Amino acid sequence: MVDSDTVIRMRGVIGKLARQLNTSATGEGLTPTQASVLGLISGRGPLGLAELAELEGVNPTMLSRVVGKLTEWS
């Protein structure tokens, strides 16, 4: 079991990483969601839209828009 101090430290690290991702993503012209989708695909390989939507915590319609923008960008 994880103690509360570890959880607090993990939240701090995750927050810092999220801020860094937001900064780097917007610097490259990507939204944080676009950067996250690319990171998932890069780390896990090809994913179906339904699985990717579930992993991202977004609805499939929103994910389709994100993927569409990424396709236009490439």
C-alpha atoms as a PDB file:
ATOM      1  CA  MET A   1       0.000   0.000   0.000  1.00  0.00           C
ATOM      2  CA  VAL A   2       1.213   3.522  -0.802  1.00  0.00           C
ATOM      3  CA  ASP A   3       1.386   5.918   2.138  1.00  0.00           C
ATOM      4  CA  SER A   4       0.013   9.464   2.023  1.00  0.00           C
ATOM      5  CA  ASP A   5       3.482  11.090   1.856  1.00  0.00           C
ATOM      6  CA  THR A   6       4.283   9.102  -1.274  1.00  0.00           C
ATOM      7  CA  VAL A   7       0.971  10.090  -2.834  1.00  0.00           C
ATOM      8  CA  ILE A   8       1.645  13.767  -2.099  1.00  0.00           C
ATOM      9  CA  ARG A   9       5.132  13.554  -3.632  1.00  0.00           C
ATOM     10  CA  MET A  10       3.773  11.721  -6.682  1.00  0.00           C
ATOM     11  CA  ARG A  11       1.128  14.403  -7.220  1.00  0.00           C
ATOM     12  CA  GLY A  12       3.832  17.070  -7.123  1.00  0.00           C
ATOM     13  CA  VAL A  13       5.957  15.226  -9.675  1.00  0.00           C
ATOM     14  CA  ILE A  14       2.972  14.596 -11.938  1.00  0.00           C
ATOM     15  CA  GLY A  15       1.990  18.263 -11.739  1.00  0.00           C
ATOM     16  CA  LYS A  16       5.514  19.344 -12.649  1.00  0.00           C
ATOM     17  CA  LEU A  17       5.619  16.924 -15.580  1.00  0.00           C
ATOM     18  CA  ALA A  18       2.211  18.126 -16.776  1.00  0.00           C
ATOM     19  CA  ARG A  19       3.399  21.746 -16.727  1.00  0.00           C
ATOM     20  CA  GLN A  20       6.542  20.823 -18.651  1.00  0.00           C
ATOM     21  CA  LEU A  21       4.487  18.897 -21.195  1.00  0.00           C
ATOM     22  CA  ASN A  22       2.099  21.819 -21.623  1.00  0.00           C
ATOM     23  CA  THR A  23       5.008  24.187 -22.173  1.00  0.00           C
ATOM     24  CA  SER A  24       6.789  21.951 -24.671  1.00  0.00           C
ATOM     25  CA  ALA A  25       3.591  20.974 -26.475  1.00  0.00           C
ATOM     26  CA  THR A  26       2.460  24.533 -27.016  1.00  0.00           C
ATOM     27  CA  GLY A  27       5.989  25.513 -28.074  1.00  0.00           C
ATOM     28  CA  GLU A  28       5.737  22.951 -30.865  1.00  0.00           C
ATOM     29  CA  GLY A  29       2.262  24.055 -31.891  1.00  0.00           C
ATOM     30  CA  LEU A  30       0.542  21.045 -30.296  1.00  0.00           C
ATOM     31  CA  THR A  31      -2.185  21.051 -27.700  1.00  0.00           C
ATOM     32  CA  PRO A  32      -1.495  19.036 -24.548  1.00  0.00           C
ATOM     33  CA  THR A  33      -3.979  16.401 -25.735  1.00  0.00           C
ATOM     34  CA  GLN A  34      -2.281  16.128 -29.133  1.00  0.00           C
ATOM     35  CA  ALA A  35       1.099  15.730 -27.448  1.00  0.00           C
ATOM     36  CA  SER A  36      -0.310  13.098 -25.101  1.00  0.00           C
ATOM     37  CA  VAL A  37      -1.849  11.126 -27.976  1.00  0.00           C
ATOM     38  CA  LEU A  38       1.451  11.171 -29.845  1.00  0.00           C
ATOM     39  CA  GLY A  39       3.252  10.045 -26.698  1.00  0.00           C
ATOM     40  CA  LEU A  40       0.888   7.118 -26.210  1.00  0.00           C
ATOM     41  CA  ILE A  41       1.207   5.993 -29.812  1.00  0.00           C
ATOM     42  CA  SER A  42       4.962   6.372 -29.728  1.00  0.00           C
ATOM     43  CA  GLY A  43       5.269   4.387 -26.504  1.00  0.00           C
ATOM     44  CA  ARG A  44       2.724   1.656 -27.166  1.00  0.00           C
ATOM     45  CA  GLY A  45       2.668   1.378 -30.927  1.00  0.00           C
ATOM     46  CA  PRO A  46      -0.465   1.370 -33.057  1.00  0.00           C
ATOM     47  CA  LEU A  47      -3.707   1.717 -31.086  1.00  0.00           C
ATOM     48  CA  GLY A  48      -7.327   1.645 -32.158  1.00  0.00           C
ATOM     49  CA  LEU A  49      -9.357   4.818 -31.695  1.00  0.00           C
ATOM     50  CA  ALA A  50     -11.566   3.266 -29.009  1.00  0.00           C
ATOM     51  CA  GLU A  51      -8.575   2.134 -26.944  1.00  0.00           C
ATOM     52  CA  LEU A  52      -6.809   5.452 -27.432  1.00  0.00           C
ATOM     53  CA  ALA A  53      -9.936   7.376 -26.395  1.00  0.00           C
ATOM     54  CA  GLU A  54     -10.198   5.262 -23.256  1.00  0.00           C
ATOM     55  CA  LEU A  55      -6.524   5.754 -22.381  1.00  0.00           C
ATOM     56  CA  GLU A  56      -6.826   9.516 -22.916  1.00  0.00           C
ATOM     57  CA  GLY A  57     -10.090   9.756 -21.026  1.00  0.00           C
ATOM     58  CA  VAL A  58     -11.868  11.550 -23.870  1.00  0.00           C
ATOM     59  CA  ASN A  59     -14.899  10.621 -25.910  1.00  0.00           C
ATOM     60  CA  PRO A  60     -14.329   9.075 -29.352  1.00  0.00           C
ATOM     61  CA  THR A  61     -15.682  12.145 -31.164  1.00  0.00           C
ATOM     62  CA  MET A  62     -13.149  14.409 -29.461  1.00  0.00           C
ATOM     63  CA  LEU A  63     -10.368  11.937 -30.163  1.00  0.00           C
ATOM     64  CA  SER A  64     -11.334  11.805 -33.845  1.00  0.00           C
ATOM     65  CA  ARG A  65     -10.927  15.589 -33.994  1.00  0.00           C
ATOM     66  CA  VAL A  66      -7.519  15.395 -32.284  1.00  0.00           C
ATOM     67  CA  VAL A  67      -6.325  12.669 -34.656  1.00  0.00           C
ATOM     68  CA  GLY A  68      -7.692  14.631 -37.618  1.00  0.00           C
ATOM     69  CA  LYS A  69      -5.686  17.701 -36.598  1.00  0.00           C
ATOM     70  CA  LEU A  70      -2.565  15.587 -36.139  1.00  0.00           C
ATOM     71  CA  THR A  71      -3.048  14.077 -39.580  1.00  0.00           C
ATOM     72  CA  GLU A  72      -3.364  17.554 -41.119  1.00  0.00           C
ATOM     73  CA  TRP A  73      -0.260  18.688 -39.219  1.00  0.00           C
ATOM     74  CA  SER A  74       1.975  15.847 -40.402  1.00  0.00           C
END
